[in-house]
């Protein structure tokens, strides 16, 4: 592995972390640093929608506050870089707390794989397509 490939991998992993931190903290505008303006995103496997990035950003801001406590963990990251494009698959575990009238939060968990098609831009790597693949769920 040469330094350029190492740099690409580190930058791609940082992009994935930016994505999960934006989702977990509700910092929706930080997603502008993750996706291209014309990105297509598909959350249908976990009960969400498939749409263009602007529509998804609005939907996330409306729906995810129902789960005020969110905490992604990323696992294996498989990056295949070819020039200024990359195909990435990253394992995820996403537990979310759904508040109850009484007692502890109801815990909902998703496990799966994020499939990104990335492009190198003047501002760094950005996702132009995200497909969320559900492998397992618990609590629903």
C-alpha atoms as a PDB file:
ATOM      1  CA  UNK A   1       0.000   0.000   0.000  1.00  0.00           C
ATOM      2  CA  UNK A   2       1.448   3.389  -0.925  1.00  0.00           C
ATOM      3  CA  UNK A   3       0.923   6.695   0.910  1.00  0.00           C
ATOM      4  CA  UNK A   4      -1.748   7.844  -1.548  1.00  0.00           C
ATOM      5  CA  UNK A   5      -3.835   4.714  -0.910  1.00  0.00           C
ATOM      6  CA  UNK A   6      -3.372   5.052   2.855  1.00  0.00           C
ATOM      7  CA  UNK A   7      -4.454   8.692   2.653  1.00  0.00           C
ATOM      8  CA  UNK A   8      -7.558   7.775   0.625  1.00  0.00           C
ATOM      9  CA  UNK A   9      -8.547   5.090   3.126  1.00  0.00           C
ATOM     10  CA  UNK A  10      -8.120   7.447   6.083  1.00  0.00           C
ATOM     11  CA  UNK A  11     -10.109  10.180   4.350  1.00  0.00           C
ATOM     12  CA  UNK A  12     -12.892   7.715   3.476  1.00  0.00           C
ATOM     13  CA  UNK A  13     -13.078   6.433   7.052  1.00  0.00           C
ATOM     14  CA  UNK A  14     -13.256  10.052   8.270  1.00  0.00           C
ATOM     15  CA  UNK A  15     -16.155  10.630   5.858  1.00  0.00           C
ATOM     16  CA  UNK A  16     -18.021   7.648   7.315  1.00  0.00           C
ATOM     17  CA  UNK A  17     -17.456   8.940  10.842  1.00  0.00           C
ATOM     18  CA  UNK A  18     -18.713  12.410   9.799  1.00  0.00           C
ATOM     19  CA  UNK A  19     -21.862  10.732   8.481  1.00  0.00           C
ATOM     20  CA  UNK A  20     -22.595   8.748  11.649  1.00  0.00           C
ATOM     21  CA  UNK A  21     -21.756  11.683  13.960  1.00  0.00           C
ATOM     22  CA  UNK A  22     -24.074  13.980  11.991  1.00  0.00           C
ATOM     23  CA  UNK A  23     -26.885  11.420  12.234  1.00  0.00           C
ATOM     24  CA  UNK A  24     -26.300  10.687  15.930  1.00  0.00           C
ATOM     25  CA  UNK A  25     -26.066  14.342  16.993  1.00  0.00           C
ATOM     26  CA  UNK A  26     -28.757  15.724  14.692  1.00  0.00           C
ATOM     27  CA  UNK A  27     -26.259  18.056  12.996  1.00  0.00           C
ATOM     28  CA  UNK A  28     -28.119  17.796   9.687  1.00  0.00           C
ATOM     29  CA  UNK A  29     -26.103  20.512   7.915  1.00  0.00           C
ATOM     30  CA  UNK A  30     -22.917  18.481   8.509  1.00  0.00           C
ATOM     31  CA  UNK A  31     -24.363  15.987   6.039  1.00  0.00           C
ATOM     32  CA  UNK A  32     -23.497  18.576   3.358  1.00  0.00           C
ATOM     33  CA  UNK A  33     -19.879  17.555   4.064  1.00  0.00           C
ATOM     34  CA  UNK A  34     -20.761  13.902   3.386  1.00  0.00           C
ATOM     35  CA  UNK A  35     -22.999  13.854   0.296  1.00  0.00           C
ATOM     36  CA  UNK A  36     -22.883  15.387  -3.151  1.00  0.00           C
ATOM     37  CA  UNK A  37     -25.880  17.689  -3.787  1.00  0.00           C
ATOM     38  CA  UNK A  38     -27.299  15.166  -6.280  1.00  0.00           C
ATOM     39  CA  UNK A  39     -26.710  12.059  -4.138  1.00  0.00           C
ATOM     40  CA  UNK A  40     -29.304   9.291  -4.034  1.00  0.00           C
ATOM     41  CA  UNK A  41     -29.945   7.587  -0.695  1.00  0.00           C
ATOM     42  CA  UNK A  42     -31.967   4.465   0.053  1.00  0.00           C
ATOM     43  CA  UNK A  43     -33.060   3.672   3.607  1.00  0.00           C
ATOM     44  CA  UNK A  44     -35.973   1.407   2.622  1.00  0.00           C
ATOM     45  CA  UNK A  45     -34.501  -1.756   4.151  1.00  0.00           C
ATOM     46  CA  UNK A  46     -34.846  -0.211   7.628  1.00  0.00           C
ATOM     47  CA  UNK A  47     -38.302   1.258   7.026  1.00  0.00           C
ATOM     48  CA  UNK A  48     -37.200   4.605   5.630  1.00  0.00           C
ATOM     49  CA  UNK A  49     -37.438   6.191   2.221  1.00  0.00           C
ATOM     50  CA  UNK A  50     -35.368   6.310  -0.958  1.00  0.00           C
ATOM     51  CA  UNK A  51     -34.877   9.788  -2.377  1.00  0.00           C
ATOM     52  CA  UNK A  52     -32.444  12.503  -3.394  1.00  0.00           C
ATOM     53  CA  UNK A  53     -30.155  13.974  -0.766  1.00  0.00           C
ATOM     54  CA  UNK A  54     -32.150  17.202  -0.180  1.00  0.00           C
ATOM     55  CA  UNK A  55     -35.332  15.196   0.427  1.00  0.00           C
ATOM     56  CA  UNK A  56     -33.505  12.703   2.666  1.00  0.00           C
ATOM     57  CA  UNK A  57     -31.934  15.492   4.734  1.00  0.00           C
ATOM     58  CA  UNK A  58     -35.372  16.975   5.404  1.00  0.00           C
ATOM     59  CA  UNK A  59     -36.833  13.539   6.200  1.00  0.00           C
ATOM     60  CA  UNK A  60     -34.022  12.706   8.649  1.00  0.00           C
ATOM     61  CA  UNK A  61     -34.518  16.014  10.484  1.00  0.00           C
ATOM     62  CA  UNK A  62     -38.215  15.215  10.843  1.00  0.00           C
ATOM     63  CA  UNK A  63     -38.067  11.504  11.722  1.00  0.00           C
ATOM     64  CA  UNK A  64     -34.922  10.823  13.750  1.00  0.00           C
ATOM     65  CA  UNK A  65     -35.772  13.137  16.664  1.00  0.00           C
ATOM     66  CA  UNK A  66     -38.365  10.468  17.553  1.00  0.00           C
ATOM     67  CA  UNK A  67     -35.256   8.600  18.769  1.00  0.00           C
ATOM     68  CA  UNK A  68     -33.442  11.314  20.748  1.00  0.00           C
ATOM     69  CA  UNK A  69     -30.598   8.973  21.729  1.00  0.00           C
ATOM     70  CA  UNK A  70     -28.687   7.490  18.801  1.00  0.00           C
ATOM     71  CA  UNK A  71     -25.213   5.949  18.753  1.00  0.00           C
ATOM     72  CA  UNK A  72     -23.668   4.372  15.669  1.00  0.00           C
ATOM     73  CA  UNK A  73     -20.710   2.049  15.752  1.00  0.00           C
ATOM     74  CA  UNK A  74     -18.836   1.335  12.531  1.00  0.00           C
ATOM     75  CA  UNK A  75     -17.006  -1.915  11.956  1.00  0.00           C
ATOM     76  CA  UNK A  76     -15.217  -3.365   8.971  1.00  0.00           C
ATOM     77  CA  UNK A  77     -14.654  -0.887   6.155  1.00  0.00           C
ATOM     78  CA  UNK A  78     -13.903  -2.279   2.703  1.00  0.00           C
ATOM     79  CA  UNK A  79     -12.773   0.522   0.348  1.00  0.00           C
ATOM     80  CA  UNK A  80     -12.018  -0.066  -3.305  1.00  0.00           C
ATOM     81  CA  UNK A  81     -10.552   3.106  -4.796  1.00  0.00           C
ATOM     82  CA  UNK A  82     -10.175   3.500  -8.553  1.00  0.00           C
ATOM     83  CA  UNK A  83      -8.868   6.936  -9.451  1.00  0.00           C
ATOM     84  CA  UNK A  84     -11.389   9.516  -8.305  1.00  0.00           C
ATOM     85  CA  UNK A  85     -14.145   7.051  -7.428  1.00  0.00           C
ATOM     86  CA  UNK A  86     -14.523   4.482  -4.695  1.00  0.00           C
ATOM     87  CA  UNK A  87     -16.931   1.743  -3.695  1.00  0.00           C
ATOM     88  CA  UNK A  88     -17.200   1.305   0.068  1.00  0.00           C
ATOM     89  CA  UNK A  89     -18.983  -1.209   2.281  1.00  0.00           C
ATOM     90  CA  UNK A  90     -18.996  -0.523   6.026  1.00  0.00           C
ATOM     91  CA  UNK A  91     -20.585  -2.608   8.764  1.00  0.00           C
ATOM     92  CA  UNK A  92     -22.752  -0.668  11.202  1.00  0.00           C
ATOM     93  CA  UNK A  93     -24.548  -1.188  14.500  1.00  0.00           C
ATOM     94  CA  UNK A  94     -27.106   1.491  15.296  1.00  0.00           C
ATOM     95  CA  UNK A  95     -28.916   1.353  18.656  1.00  0.00           C
ATOM     96  CA  UNK A  96     -31.534   4.065  19.266  1.00  0.00           C
ATOM     97  CA  UNK A  97     -33.520   4.842  22.398  1.00  0.00           C
ATOM     98  CA  UNK A  98     -37.237   5.475  22.072  1.00  0.00           C
ATOM     99  CA  UNK A  99     -38.519   7.275  25.192  1.00  0.00           C
ATOM    100  CA  UNK A 100     -41.413   5.651  27.057  1.00  0.00           C
ATOM    101  CA  UNK A 101     -44.012   7.348  29.263  1.00  0.00           C
ATOM    102  CA  UNK A 102     -42.630   5.402  32.210  1.00  0.00           C
ATOM    103  CA  UNK A 103     -39.418   3.484  32.728  1.00  0.00           C
ATOM    104  CA  UNK A 104     -36.349   3.191  30.579  1.00  0.00           C
ATOM    105  CA  UNK A 105     -36.170   3.881  26.868  1.00  0.00           C
ATOM    106  CA  UNK A 106     -37.291   1.160  24.502  1.00  0.00           C
ATOM    107  CA  UNK A 107     -34.118   0.110  22.680  1.00  0.00           C
ATOM    108  CA  UNK A 108     -34.313  -0.398  18.919  1.00  0.00           C
ATOM    109  CA  UNK A 109     -31.223  -1.737  17.158  1.00  0.00           C
ATOM    110  CA  UNK A 110     -30.223  -2.140  13.532  1.00  0.00           C
ATOM    111  CA  UNK A 111     -27.198  -3.941  12.167  1.00  0.00           C
ATOM    112  CA  UNK A 112     -26.169  -3.904   8.571  1.00  0.00           C
ATOM    113  CA  UNK A 113     -23.913  -2.599   5.865  1.00  0.00           C
ATOM    114  CA  UNK A 114     -23.653   0.894   4.423  1.00  0.00           C
ATOM    115  CA  UNK A 115     -22.868   0.724   0.703  1.00  0.00           C
ATOM    116  CA  UNK A 116     -21.449   4.010  -0.590  1.00  0.00           C
ATOM    117  CA  UNK A 117     -20.399   5.050  -4.074  1.00  0.00           C
ATOM    118  CA  UNK A 118     -17.930   7.863  -3.524  1.00  0.00           C
ATOM    119  CA  UNK A 119     -16.395  10.504  -5.717  1.00  0.00           C
ATOM    120  CA  UNK A 120     -13.362  12.669  -5.042  1.00  0.00           C
ATOM    121  CA  UNK A 121     -14.316  16.366  -5.150  1.00  0.00           C
ATOM    122  CA  UNK A 122     -12.267  19.538  -4.626  1.00  0.00           C
ATOM    123  CA  UNK A 123     -13.535  19.387  -1.010  1.00  0.00           C
ATOM    124  CA  UNK A 124     -12.535  15.739  -0.523  1.00  0.00           C
ATOM    125  CA  UNK A 125     -14.446  12.468  -0.779  1.00  0.00           C
ATOM    126  CA  UNK A 126     -18.244  12.684  -0.979  1.00  0.00           C
ATOM    127  CA  UNK A 127     -20.942  10.035  -1.263  1.00  0.00           C
ATOM    128  CA  UNK A 128     -23.069  10.200  -4.374  1.00  0.00           C
ATOM    129  CA  UNK A 129     -25.039   7.072  -3.472  1.00  0.00           C
ATOM    130  CA  UNK A 130     -25.826   5.366  -0.181  1.00  0.00           C
ATOM    131  CA  UNK A 131     -27.703   2.105   0.135  1.00  0.00           C
ATOM    132  CA  UNK A 132     -28.388   0.959   3.688  1.00  0.00           C
ATOM    133  CA  UNK A 133     -28.557  -2.851   3.786  1.00  0.00           C
ATOM    134  CA  UNK A 134     -30.304  -4.273   6.847  1.00  0.00           C
ATOM    135  CA  UNK A 135     -28.791  -7.536   8.102  1.00  0.00           C
ATOM    136  CA  UNK A 136     -30.595  -7.757  11.457  1.00  0.00           C
ATOM    137  CA  UNK A 137     -32.833  -5.771  13.778  1.00  0.00           C
ATOM    138  CA  UNK A 138     -33.993  -6.055  17.363  1.00  0.00           C
ATOM    139  CA  UNK A 139     -36.656  -4.302  19.388  1.00  0.00           C
ATOM    140  CA  UNK A 140     -39.125  -3.640  16.606  1.00  0.00           C
END
